[in-house]
Amino acid sequence: MKISDYLVKKQWSRRVLGYNSSYIETNPKNNVMRKPSGKFEVFSQDRFLNEIHSGSHIIFDCNHRSMRPKYKYDLEKNANVLDGYEDVTRMAVSWQEAIRSNKTATCGGNPLWIGNENEDVSSAEKVAKIKSHINTFNLQAALLQHFYTIFGTADGALYFYRDGDNICWECFSYEDGDNCTERPDYETPNVKMGVRYFDYEGFDAVEFYRTTKNELFIQFPDEDEMRKHFPNAIGTITEDGYYLISSVIHGLDESLFCYHRERDIPSGPVQKNIEDFESLLSDCGENIKYYAYQILFLSGGSMSLPNANFGGKVIGSKTADGDAKILEPADASNTLDIGFKKVYNAICDGSKSVFIKPDELKGQNDSGAYIANLYWPELQWATLFYSRYSKCLTKVLRVIKKLVGQIEGDLYGYSQIKLSYMFDPYIPKNKLEQSTILQQGVTAGFISIETATEESDSANPQEVARLETQALKRIERERMLNETQSNNE
């Protein structure tokens, strides 16, 4: 077996300029189906990281935005000659990171709602156990990390495992050095296994997350080097020099590796708009740098001019009449303002992003409907993402059920539990309005207390049981009070 055969991963691409159309005068005829075609720019995940980190933006590339040539006057040639280059203003903006953070908070800011879809009453206890474990290891934090990873490098994986009677998790991200994918298992090709390629103290390491066990392979130059790091390793060597370090059985019947891949990061569709924004901002910076100091125009004879690197500028002209005046730069403020607004709107509309400053809200009685309308583009994007993420989350819940069953000693019983789930995109809410609506529903009788507690953000998962205990205590106090009054009479 060659480990390198399983380190194959499809690269990402973006469609670039290129049209291949034909025109006919009559109605189009039937044609044989074909795969989508076009011109694409293919790249690796390092491209995403360069876009996320503003210091790596293309605006700093001299081939994209060239340096400015400097000239000096040559007395012998009686002409200006090239005297090196000076850098121009380059201004980058962290749009991609801002969009990434927005999407992460919107998609994962609220806890995942999980429902019991079992008909038998006895399953309620198992569902409560599952929810208790989910709350204990904090599934919301795991999903937030996964979303942040996916929205930064377009893929990532959640790995769940058991530590005693606790469920633990890790998030594997390309940004953190974990290159992940899914490949057909080398023994059962019809089943996929998780693959993680990473660095171990300068050596290439690969971990396979298989149906019944996890296997760690590390490429060492020889067996002595391998034994130096892992004296108790299994030691089986592959055709391409990877040594099998360990093989750990996890006790379940499927991989604990939950992988998701996106076609692009959220800022990908507006990457060119972001580059245009940075170019416009840099041009504005150049304009400010040039006109930051007054420009004095002199005429009436030759004069000594200061070096161009000094603050302030003097322009001389040889004429018979002497004169001096300050040159006023052209007022382009309206043009720049319009340009920035147009590009800003293109970035927000294309990425379905909403950026609201605190002072932009009325800050008084902003209704839930008003806030939802403001964040409608973010809600649209989150809703579509949930549908793409559904397959991965289904496996996450399936793995969690089995791990809970393993801990509780009833693997089969917990595996058969039916759970439903629902994401609720996070947006700022008017909590008073929400509580009032739930209270009115319970009072009017068309919403039960159980439903109200499930819908309330302030309610505890055990809220219904607590309410029942509270009601019983109140009844007991009233009974004792009545008995006391009867005895006194």
Protein backbone atom coordinates (compact mmCIF):
# COMPACT_ATOMS: atom_id res chain seq x y z
CA MET A 1 0.00 0.00 0.00
CA LYS A 2 1.11 3.54 -0.78
CA ILE A 3 0.00 6.27 1.58
CA SER A 4 0.54 8.85 -1.15
CA ASP A 5 -2.35 7.30 -3.12
CA TYR A 6 -4.70 8.56 -0.40
CA LEU A 7 -3.24 12.06 -0.21
CA VAL A 8 -5.15 13.19 -3.28
CA LYS A 9 -7.49 16.16 -2.97
CA LYS A 10 -9.43 18.14 -5.53
CA GLN A 11 -8.25 21.72 -5.80
CA TRP A 12 -10.51 24.76 -5.74
CA SER A 13 -11.26 26.95 -8.74
CA ARG A 14 -13.06 30.12 -9.77
CA ARG A 15 -14.59 30.84 -13.13
CA VAL A 16 -12.73 33.51 -15.10
CA LEU A 17 -13.43 35.46 -18.27
CA GLY A 18 -14.28 33.27 -21.21
CA TYR A 19 -17.46 32.83 -23.25
CA ASN A 20 -18.23 30.04 -25.66
CA SER A 21 -21.58 30.80 -27.24
CA SER A 22 -23.17 30.22 -30.62
CA TYR A 23 -26.16 31.95 -32.21
CA ILE A 24 -28.82 30.52 -34.49
CA GLU A 25 -31.80 32.08 -36.19
CA THR A 26 -34.34 29.39 -35.37
CA ASN A 27 -35.35 27.67 -32.16
CA PRO A 28 -32.51 25.72 -30.49
CA LYS A 29 -32.39 22.00 -31.28
CA ASN A 30 -31.87 19.13 -28.91
CA ASN A 31 -28.24 18.31 -28.25
CA VAL A 32 -26.28 15.70 -26.37
CA MET A 33 -25.75 16.64 -22.72
CA ARG A 34 -22.27 17.65 -21.69
CA LYS A 35 -20.43 18.55 -18.53
CA PRO A 36 -20.24 22.24 -17.54
CA SER A 37 -17.45 23.99 -19.38
CA GLY A 38 -15.62 27.29 -19.16
CA LYS A 39 -12.33 28.77 -18.08
CA PHE A 40 -11.30 28.39 -14.47
CA GLU A 41 -8.44 29.59 -12.32
CA VAL A 42 -7.25 26.66 -10.21
CA PHE A 43 -5.52 27.22 -6.87
CA SER A 44 -4.79 25.67 -3.48
CA GLN A 45 -6.05 26.62 -0.03
CA ASP A 46 -3.06 28.90 0.49
CA ARG A 47 -4.90 31.32 -1.79
CA PHE A 48 -7.72 31.52 0.74
CA LEU A 49 -5.30 32.23 3.57
CA ASN A 50 -3.67 35.00 1.54
CA GLU A 51 -7.08 36.58 1.04
CA ILE A 52 -8.04 36.24 4.70
CA HIS A 53 -4.85 37.91 5.97
CA SER A 54 -4.71 41.48 4.67
CA GLY A 55 -0.90 41.62 4.73
CA SER A 56 -0.85 39.05 1.91
CA HIS A 57 -3.22 40.90 -0.42
CA ILE A 58 -2.30 41.43 -4.04
CA ILE A 59 -2.25 45.21 -3.54
CA PHE A 60 1.26 44.74 -2.07
CA ASP A 61 2.48 42.96 -5.21
CA CYS A 62 4.63 45.31 -7.31
CA ASN A 63 3.60 43.42 -10.45
CA HIS A 64 -0.02 44.29 -9.70
CA ARG A 65 0.56 47.87 -8.51
CA SER A 66 3.91 49.02 -9.82
CA MET A 67 6.33 51.35 -8.04
CA ARG A 68 6.73 54.95 -9.19
CA PRO A 69 9.87 55.84 -11.18
CA LYS A 70 12.02 58.75 -9.93
CA TYR A 71 13.92 61.09 -12.24
CA LYS A 72 16.80 63.53 -11.89
CA TYR A 73 18.15 66.13 -14.29
CA ASP A 74 21.37 65.16 -16.08
CA LEU A 75 23.40 68.25 -17.05
CA GLU A 76 25.46 66.37 -19.62
CA LYS A 77 22.44 64.88 -21.37
CA ASN A 78 20.36 68.01 -20.73
CA ALA A 79 17.39 65.80 -19.87
CA ASN A 80 15.69 63.98 -17.01
CA VAL A 81 16.99 60.44 -16.46
CA LEU A 82 15.71 57.54 -14.36
CA ASP A 83 16.94 57.68 -10.75
CA GLY A 84 15.41 54.56 -9.19
CA TYR A 85 11.92 53.85 -7.92
CA GLU A 86 9.85 54.79 -4.88
CA ASP A 87 6.94 52.85 -3.46
CA VAL A 88 3.39 54.03 -3.84
CA THR A 89 0.61 53.99 -1.26
CA ARG A 90 -0.76 50.49 -0.71
CA MET A 91 -3.77 50.11 1.57
CA ALA A 92 -5.41 46.77 2.35
CA VAL A 93 -8.70 46.12 4.15
CA SER A 94 -9.63 42.93 6.05
CA TRP A 95 -12.94 42.49 4.24
CA GLN A 96 -12.53 38.73 3.95
CA GLU A 97 -11.96 38.25 7.68
CA ALA A 98 -14.90 40.54 8.49
CA ILE A 99 -17.19 38.53 6.19
CA ARG A 100 -15.88 35.29 7.67
CA SER A 101 -16.57 36.40 11.24
CA ASN A 102 -20.05 37.64 10.28
CA LYS A 103 -21.01 34.34 8.68
CA THR A 104 -19.62 32.31 11.59
CA ALA A 105 -21.54 34.28 14.22
CA THR A 106 -24.76 34.29 12.19
CA CYS A 107 -24.69 30.57 11.37
CA GLY A 108 -23.49 29.25 14.74
CA GLY A 109 -24.30 31.93 17.30
CA ASN A 110 -27.41 30.13 18.55
CA PRO A 111 -27.38 26.62 20.08
CA LEU A 112 -28.56 23.83 17.82
CA TRP A 113 -32.20 22.90 18.50
CA ILE A 114 -32.66 19.12 18.84
CA GLY A 115 -36.07 17.44 18.90
CA ASN A 116 -37.32 14.01 19.96
CA GLU A 117 -38.93 12.18 17.03
CA ASN A 118 -39.57 8.86 18.83
CA GLU A 119 -43.08 7.55 19.43
CA ASP A 120 -42.35 5.53 22.59
CA VAL A 121 -42.26 7.43 25.86
CA SER A 122 -39.26 5.44 27.14
CA SER A 123 -36.97 7.11 24.60
CA ALA A 124 -37.38 10.50 26.30
CA GLU A 125 -34.80 9.54 28.92
CA LYS A 126 -32.28 8.60 26.24
CA VAL A 127 -32.87 11.88 24.40
CA ALA A 128 -32.35 13.77 27.66
CA LYS A 129 -29.05 11.91 28.14
CA ILE A 130 -27.92 12.81 24.64
CA LYS A 131 -28.77 16.48 25.20
CA SER A 132 -26.98 16.41 28.53
CA HIS A 133 -23.78 15.15 26.88
CA ILE A 134 -24.16 17.72 24.08
CA ASN A 135 -24.40 20.49 26.68
CA THR A 136 -21.45 19.07 28.61
CA PHE A 137 -18.94 18.96 25.75
CA ASN A 138 -20.46 22.12 24.16
CA LEU A 139 -21.55 21.18 20.66
CA GLN A 140 -22.18 24.85 19.89
CA ALA A 141 -18.49 25.64 20.40
CA ALA A 142 -17.53 22.73 18.15
CA LEU A 143 -19.84 23.93 15.36
CA LEU A 144 -18.60 27.51 15.70
CA GLN A 145 -15.01 26.32 15.27
CA HIS A 146 -16.01 24.18 12.31
CA PHE A 147 -17.87 27.04 10.62
CA TYR A 148 -14.96 29.43 11.20
CA THR A 149 -12.61 26.89 9.64
CA ILE A 150 -14.87 26.24 6.65
CA PHE A 151 -15.44 29.94 5.99
CA GLY A 152 -11.68 30.57 6.08
CA THR A 153 -10.25 27.72 3.98
CA ALA A 154 -13.38 26.15 2.40
CA ASP A 155 -13.15 22.83 4.23
CA GLY A 156 -12.54 21.31 7.66
CA ALA A 157 -13.39 18.36 9.87
CA LEU A 158 -14.77 17.66 13.34
CA TYR A 159 -13.42 14.60 15.10
CA PHE A 160 -15.25 13.21 18.13
CA TYR A 161 -13.80 10.71 20.57
CA ARG A 162 -14.40 9.28 24.01
CA ASP A 163 -12.28 10.11 27.04
CA GLY A 164 -13.59 7.94 29.87
CA ASP A 165 -17.25 8.89 30.34
CA ASN A 166 -16.84 12.17 28.49
CA ILE A 167 -17.17 13.05 24.81
CA CYS A 168 -14.40 15.27 23.42
CA TRP A 169 -13.85 16.88 20.05
CA GLU A 170 -11.18 18.44 17.87
CA CYS A 171 -11.52 20.70 14.85
CA PHE A 172 -9.03 20.07 12.04
CA SER A 173 -8.24 23.12 9.92
CA TYR A 174 -5.84 23.76 7.05
CA GLU A 175 -5.10 27.09 8.71
CA ASP A 176 -3.75 25.19 11.73
CA GLY A 177 -1.69 22.75 9.65
CA ASP A 178 -4.23 19.93 9.21
CA ASN A 179 -4.95 19.12 5.57
CA CYS A 180 -8.14 17.02 5.54
CA THR A 181 -10.24 15.15 3.05
CA GLU A 182 -12.24 11.93 2.61
CA ARG A 183 -11.07 9.01 0.49
CA PRO A 184 -12.30 5.45 -0.18
CA ASP A 185 -11.08 3.05 2.48
CA TYR A 186 -8.13 0.96 1.23
CA GLU A 187 -9.82 -2.28 2.33
CA THR A 188 -13.48 -1.42 1.61
CA PRO A 189 -13.50 1.14 -1.27
CA ASN A 190 -17.28 1.58 -1.07
CA VAL A 191 -16.85 3.18 2.39
CA LYS A 192 -15.14 6.53 2.93
CA MET A 193 -12.51 7.15 5.56
CA GLY A 194 -11.22 10.45 6.91
CA VAL A 195 -7.69 11.46 6.00
CA ARG A 196 -5.58 14.03 7.87
CA TYR A 197 -2.15 15.03 6.58
CA PHE A 198 -0.02 17.04 9.01
CA ASP A 199 3.48 17.65 10.30
CA TYR A 200 4.98 15.71 13.19
CA GLU A 201 8.23 17.29 14.40
CA GLY A 202 9.39 17.82 10.82
CA PHE A 203 8.15 14.47 9.49
CA ASP A 204 5.13 13.87 7.25
CA ALA A 205 2.30 12.27 9.22
CA VAL A 206 -1.00 10.83 8.02
CA GLU A 207 -3.91 9.62 10.12
CA PHE A 208 -6.69 7.47 8.72
CA TYR A 209 -10.08 7.62 10.50
CA ARG A 210 -11.60 4.33 9.46
CA THR A 211 -14.85 2.52 10.14
CA THR A 212 -13.68 0.63 13.22
CA LYS A 213 -10.27 2.11 14.07
CA ASN A 214 -7.85 5.02 13.65
CA GLU A 215 -4.41 4.45 12.15
CA LEU A 216 -1.38 6.75 12.38
CA PHE A 217 1.39 6.60 9.77
CA ILE A 218 4.58 8.71 9.87
CA GLN A 219 7.28 8.83 7.21
CA PHE A 220 10.74 8.32 8.72
CA PRO A 221 14.03 7.89 6.84
CA ASP A 222 14.68 4.53 8.53
CA GLU A 223 13.46 2.25 11.30
CA ASP A 224 16.04 3.48 13.80
CA GLU A 225 14.68 7.02 13.52
CA MET A 226 11.15 5.68 13.87
CA ARG A 227 12.04 3.70 17.04
CA LYS A 228 13.76 6.76 18.44
CA HIS A 229 10.43 8.60 18.49
CA PHE A 230 8.07 5.64 18.99
CA PRO A 231 9.75 2.67 20.72
CA ASN A 232 6.46 0.74 20.94
CA ALA A 233 5.22 1.45 17.43
CA ILE A 234 3.74 -1.36 15.34
CA GLY A 235 6.44 -0.64 12.75
CA THR A 236 4.85 -2.01 9.57
CA ILE A 237 6.26 -0.03 6.63
CA THR A 238 4.41 0.93 3.43
CA GLU A 239 5.82 1.04 -0.10
CA ASP A 240 6.53 4.78 0.16
CA GLY A 241 8.31 4.73 3.52
CA TYR A 242 5.49 5.40 5.99
CA TYR A 243 5.62 3.43 9.25
CA LEU A 244 2.44 2.33 11.01
CA ILE A 245 2.77 3.86 14.47
CA SER A 246 -0.54 2.88 16.04
CA SER A 247 -3.90 1.31 15.29
CA VAL A 248 -6.61 2.12 17.84
CA ILE A 249 -10.06 0.49 17.78
CA HIS A 250 -12.77 3.00 18.73
CA GLY A 251 -15.61 0.49 19.09
CA LEU A 252 -18.15 2.01 16.68
CA ASP A 253 -19.26 0.92 13.24
CA GLU A 254 -18.40 4.12 11.36
CA SER A 255 -15.67 6.74 11.18
CA LEU A 256 -15.69 9.45 13.87
CA PHE A 257 -14.42 11.96 11.30
CA CYS A 258 -17.07 14.47 10.11
CA TYR A 259 -15.86 16.36 7.03
CA HIS A 260 -17.42 19.22 5.08
CA ARG A 261 -16.20 21.04 1.98
CA GLU A 262 -17.47 24.27 0.39
CA ARG A 263 -16.99 25.37 -3.21
CA ASP A 264 -15.52 28.68 -2.06
CA ILE A 265 -15.16 30.88 1.00
CA PRO A 266 -17.96 33.44 1.59
CA SER A 267 -15.87 36.34 0.28
CA GLY A 268 -14.87 34.47 -2.89
CA PRO A 269 -17.68 35.82 -5.13
CA VAL A 270 -16.66 39.43 -4.32
CA GLN A 271 -12.87 39.00 -4.29
CA LYS A 272 -12.45 41.24 -7.37
CA ASN A 273 -14.68 43.88 -5.78
CA ILE A 274 -12.48 43.83 -2.68
CA GLU A 275 -9.39 44.27 -4.84
CA ASP A 276 -11.09 47.21 -6.58
CA PHE A 277 -11.91 48.74 -3.18
CA GLU A 278 -8.27 48.46 -2.08
CA SER A 279 -7.04 49.98 -5.35
CA LEU A 280 -9.47 52.88 -4.94
CA LEU A 281 -8.41 53.34 -1.33
CA SER A 282 -4.74 53.31 -2.33
CA ASP A 283 -5.38 55.86 -5.08
CA CYS A 284 -7.10 58.03 -2.50
CA GLY A 285 -4.04 57.67 -0.26
CA GLU A 286 -1.78 58.73 -3.12
CA ASN A 287 -3.97 61.76 -3.73
CA ILE A 288 -3.82 62.71 -0.05
CA LYS A 289 -0.05 62.24 0.05
CA TYR A 290 0.44 64.47 -2.98
CA TYR A 291 -1.89 67.26 -1.88
CA ALA A 292 -1.35 67.01 1.88
CA TYR A 293 0.94 70.06 1.72
CA GLN A 294 0.32 73.26 -0.20
CA ILE A 295 1.84 73.66 -3.65
CA LEU A 296 3.47 77.05 -4.33
CA PHE A 297 3.72 78.15 -7.96
CA LEU A 298 6.42 80.77 -8.75
CA SER A 299 7.17 82.58 -12.01
CA GLY A 300 9.62 85.27 -13.03
CA GLY A 301 13.00 83.64 -13.27
CA SER A 302 14.91 80.56 -12.23
CA MET A 303 14.89 79.44 -8.63
CA SER A 304 16.13 76.57 -6.44
CA LEU A 305 13.50 73.85 -5.97
CA PRO A 306 13.39 71.53 -2.89
CA ASN A 307 13.81 67.77 -3.18
CA ALA A 308 10.55 66.00 -3.99
CA ASN A 309 10.85 63.86 -0.84
CA PHE A 310 10.43 66.88 1.44
CA GLY A 311 7.03 68.05 2.65
CA GLY A 312 5.55 70.76 0.46
CA LYS A 313 6.19 71.37 -3.20
CA VAL A 314 7.37 74.34 -5.28
CA ILE A 315 6.84 74.56 -9.01
CA GLY A 316 8.93 77.13 -10.88
CA SER A 317 8.39 78.75 -14.26
CA LYS A 318 10.76 81.07 -16.18
CA THR A 319 8.75 84.07 -17.38
CA ALA A 320 9.37 87.79 -17.65
CA ASP A 321 6.84 88.69 -14.95
CA GLY A 322 7.25 87.44 -11.39
CA ASP A 323 4.30 85.91 -9.61
CA ALA A 324 3.55 83.50 -6.77
CA LYS A 325 0.33 81.72 -5.75
CA ILE A 326 -0.93 78.60 -4.03
CA LEU A 327 -2.36 75.97 -6.36
CA GLU A 328 -5.66 74.48 -5.26
CA PRO A 329 -6.16 70.76 -6.01
CA ALA A 330 -9.20 69.64 -7.94
CA ASP A 331 -12.14 68.75 -5.71
CA ALA A 332 -12.80 65.06 -6.31
CA SER A 333 -14.45 64.37 -2.96
CA ASN A 334 -17.87 63.62 -4.47
CA THR A 335 -16.39 61.28 -7.06
CA LEU A 336 -14.42 59.35 -4.46
CA ASP A 337 -17.40 59.17 -2.13
CA ILE A 338 -19.63 57.77 -4.89
CA GLY A 339 -16.93 55.28 -5.93
CA PHE A 340 -16.44 53.98 -2.40
CA LYS A 341 -20.18 53.61 -1.82
CA LYS A 342 -20.72 51.71 -5.07
CA VAL A 343 -17.90 49.25 -4.42
CA TYR A 344 -18.94 48.89 -0.76
CA ASN A 345 -22.49 48.03 -1.80
CA ALA A 346 -21.19 45.56 -4.39
CA ILE A 347 -19.15 43.76 -1.70
CA CYS A 348 -22.06 43.60 0.75
CA ASP A 349 -24.66 42.58 -1.84
CA GLY A 350 -22.44 39.98 -3.51
CA SER A 351 -21.45 38.30 -0.24
CA LYS A 352 -24.85 38.77 1.48
CA SER A 353 -23.11 40.60 4.33
CA VAL A 354 -24.50 43.20 6.73
CA PHE A 355 -22.24 45.53 8.68
CA ILE A 356 -24.09 47.75 11.13
CA LYS A 357 -22.39 50.14 13.50
CA PRO A 358 -24.02 50.57 16.93
CA ASP A 359 -24.78 54.23 16.25
CA GLU A 360 -26.72 53.30 13.09
CA LEU A 361 -29.50 51.68 15.14
CA LYS A 362 -32.11 53.80 16.83
CA GLY A 363 -31.20 52.17 20.13
CA GLN A 364 -34.68 52.55 21.59
CA ASN A 365 -37.40 50.07 20.66
CA ASP A 366 -36.08 48.25 17.61
CA SER A 367 -38.63 45.53 16.92
CA GLY A 368 -37.70 41.99 15.98
CA ALA A 369 -39.18 42.46 12.50
CA TYR A 370 -37.13 45.63 11.96
CA ILE A 371 -33.90 43.92 12.99
CA ALA A 372 -34.70 40.83 10.90
CA ASN A 373 -35.21 43.03 7.83
CA LEU A 374 -31.84 44.68 8.42
CA TYR A 375 -30.13 41.30 8.59
CA TRP A 376 -32.18 39.67 5.82
CA PRO A 377 -29.16 39.11 3.48
CA GLU A 378 -27.28 37.32 6.27
CA LEU A 379 -30.35 35.17 7.00
CA GLN A 380 -30.62 34.23 3.32
CA TRP A 381 -26.98 33.16 3.18
CA ALA A 382 -27.19 31.18 6.44
CA THR A 383 -30.33 29.34 5.33
CA LEU A 384 -28.67 28.17 2.11
CA PHE A 385 -25.51 27.15 3.97
CA TYR A 386 -27.51 25.00 6.42
CA SER A 387 -28.83 22.94 3.51
CA ARG A 388 -25.28 22.33 2.27
CA TYR A 389 -24.07 21.44 5.76
CA SER A 390 -26.99 19.09 6.48
CA LYS A 391 -25.20 15.89 5.46
CA CYS A 392 -22.25 16.61 7.73
CA LEU A 393 -24.44 17.52 10.71
CA THR A 394 -26.50 14.36 10.27
CA LYS A 395 -23.31 12.36 10.69
CA VAL A 396 -22.25 14.51 13.68
CA LEU A 397 -25.48 13.65 15.52
CA ARG A 398 -25.23 9.99 14.51
CA VAL A 399 -21.69 9.75 15.90
CA ILE A 400 -22.70 11.53 19.11
CA LYS A 401 -25.62 9.13 19.66
CA LYS A 402 -23.32 6.14 19.32
CA LEU A 403 -20.68 7.59 21.62
CA VAL A 404 -23.35 8.30 24.24
CA GLY A 405 -24.67 4.76 23.83
CA GLN A 406 -21.16 3.41 24.29
CA ILE A 407 -20.73 5.44 27.49
CA GLU A 408 -24.19 4.51 28.83
CA GLY A 409 -23.77 0.82 27.99
CA ASP A 410 -26.56 0.65 25.39
CA LEU A 411 -24.95 1.27 22.01
CA TYR A 412 -27.77 -0.29 19.98
CA GLY A 413 -30.56 1.47 21.89
CA TYR A 414 -29.05 4.92 21.52
CA SER A 415 -28.19 4.29 17.87
CA GLN A 416 -31.89 3.77 17.13
CA ILE A 417 -32.97 7.08 18.66
CA LYS A 418 -34.52 9.42 16.11
CA LEU A 419 -33.52 13.06 16.44
CA SER A 420 -34.52 16.10 14.46
CA TYR A 421 -32.57 19.32 14.45
CA MET A 422 -32.99 22.92 13.42
CA PHE A 423 -30.58 25.80 13.07
CA ASP A 424 -31.66 29.28 14.12
CA PRO A 425 -29.48 32.00 12.59
CA TYR A 426 -28.20 34.41 15.19
CA ILE A 427 -29.20 38.04 14.85
CA PRO A 428 -29.64 40.69 17.55
CA LYS A 429 -33.02 40.23 19.20
CA ASN A 430 -35.42 42.23 21.28
CA LYS A 431 -35.66 39.83 24.26
CA LEU A 432 -38.51 41.74 25.90
CA GLU A 433 -40.57 41.43 22.74
CA GLN A 434 -39.78 37.70 22.47
CA SER A 435 -40.71 37.00 26.09
CA THR A 436 -43.94 38.99 25.77
CA ILE A 437 -45.02 37.00 22.70
CA LEU A 438 -44.38 33.67 24.48
CA GLN A 439 -46.16 34.84 27.62
CA GLN A 440 -49.21 35.94 25.65
CA GLY A 441 -49.25 32.60 23.82
CA VAL A 442 -49.27 30.63 27.08
CA THR A 443 -51.92 32.92 28.60
CA ALA A 444 -54.15 32.65 25.53
CA GLY A 445 -53.81 28.88 25.55
CA PHE A 446 -52.46 28.26 22.05
CA ILE A 447 -48.87 27.59 23.26
CA SER A 448 -47.98 25.13 26.00
CA ILE A 449 -45.50 25.91 28.76
CA GLU A 450 -43.26 23.17 27.34
CA THR A 451 -43.17 24.85 23.93
CA ALA A 452 -42.59 28.27 25.49
CA THR A 453 -39.61 26.99 27.48
CA GLU A 454 -38.14 25.40 24.35
CA GLU A 455 -38.48 28.65 22.42
CA SER A 456 -37.15 30.89 25.18
CA ASP A 457 -33.45 31.74 25.05
CA SER A 458 -33.38 32.08 28.84
CA ALA A 459 -34.84 28.65 29.59
CA ASN A 460 -32.76 25.75 30.92
CA PRO A 461 -33.06 22.31 29.21
CA GLN A 462 -34.55 21.03 32.51
CA GLU A 463 -36.93 24.00 32.80
CA VAL A 464 -40.16 21.97 32.50
CA ALA A 465 -39.10 19.62 35.30
CA ARG A 466 -38.15 22.61 37.43
CA LEU A 467 -41.53 24.24 36.82
CA GLU A 468 -43.30 21.03 37.85
CA THR A 469 -41.23 20.82 41.05
CA GLN A 470 -41.95 24.47 41.76
CA ALA A 471 -45.69 23.93 41.28
CA LEU A 472 -45.67 20.90 43.60
CA LYS A 473 -43.84 22.89 46.28
CA ARG A 474 -46.35 25.72 45.96
CA ILE A 475 -49.26 23.27 46.35
CA GLU A 476 -47.57 21.71 49.37
CA ARG A 477 -47.06 25.12 51.01
CA GLU A 478 -50.69 26.05 50.43
CA ARG A 479 -51.82 22.72 51.92
CA MET A 480 -49.68 23.20 55.02
CA LEU A 481 -50.91 26.78 55.38
CA ASN A 482 -54.53 25.63 55.18
CA GLU A 483 -53.89 22.92 57.79
CA THR A 484 -52.29 25.48 60.11
CA GLN A 485 -55.24 27.82 59.77
CA SER A 486 -57.72 24.98 60.38
CA ASN A 487 -55.87 23.93 63.58
CA ASN A 488 -55.86 27.52 64.87
CA GLU A 489 -59.59 27.79 64.35
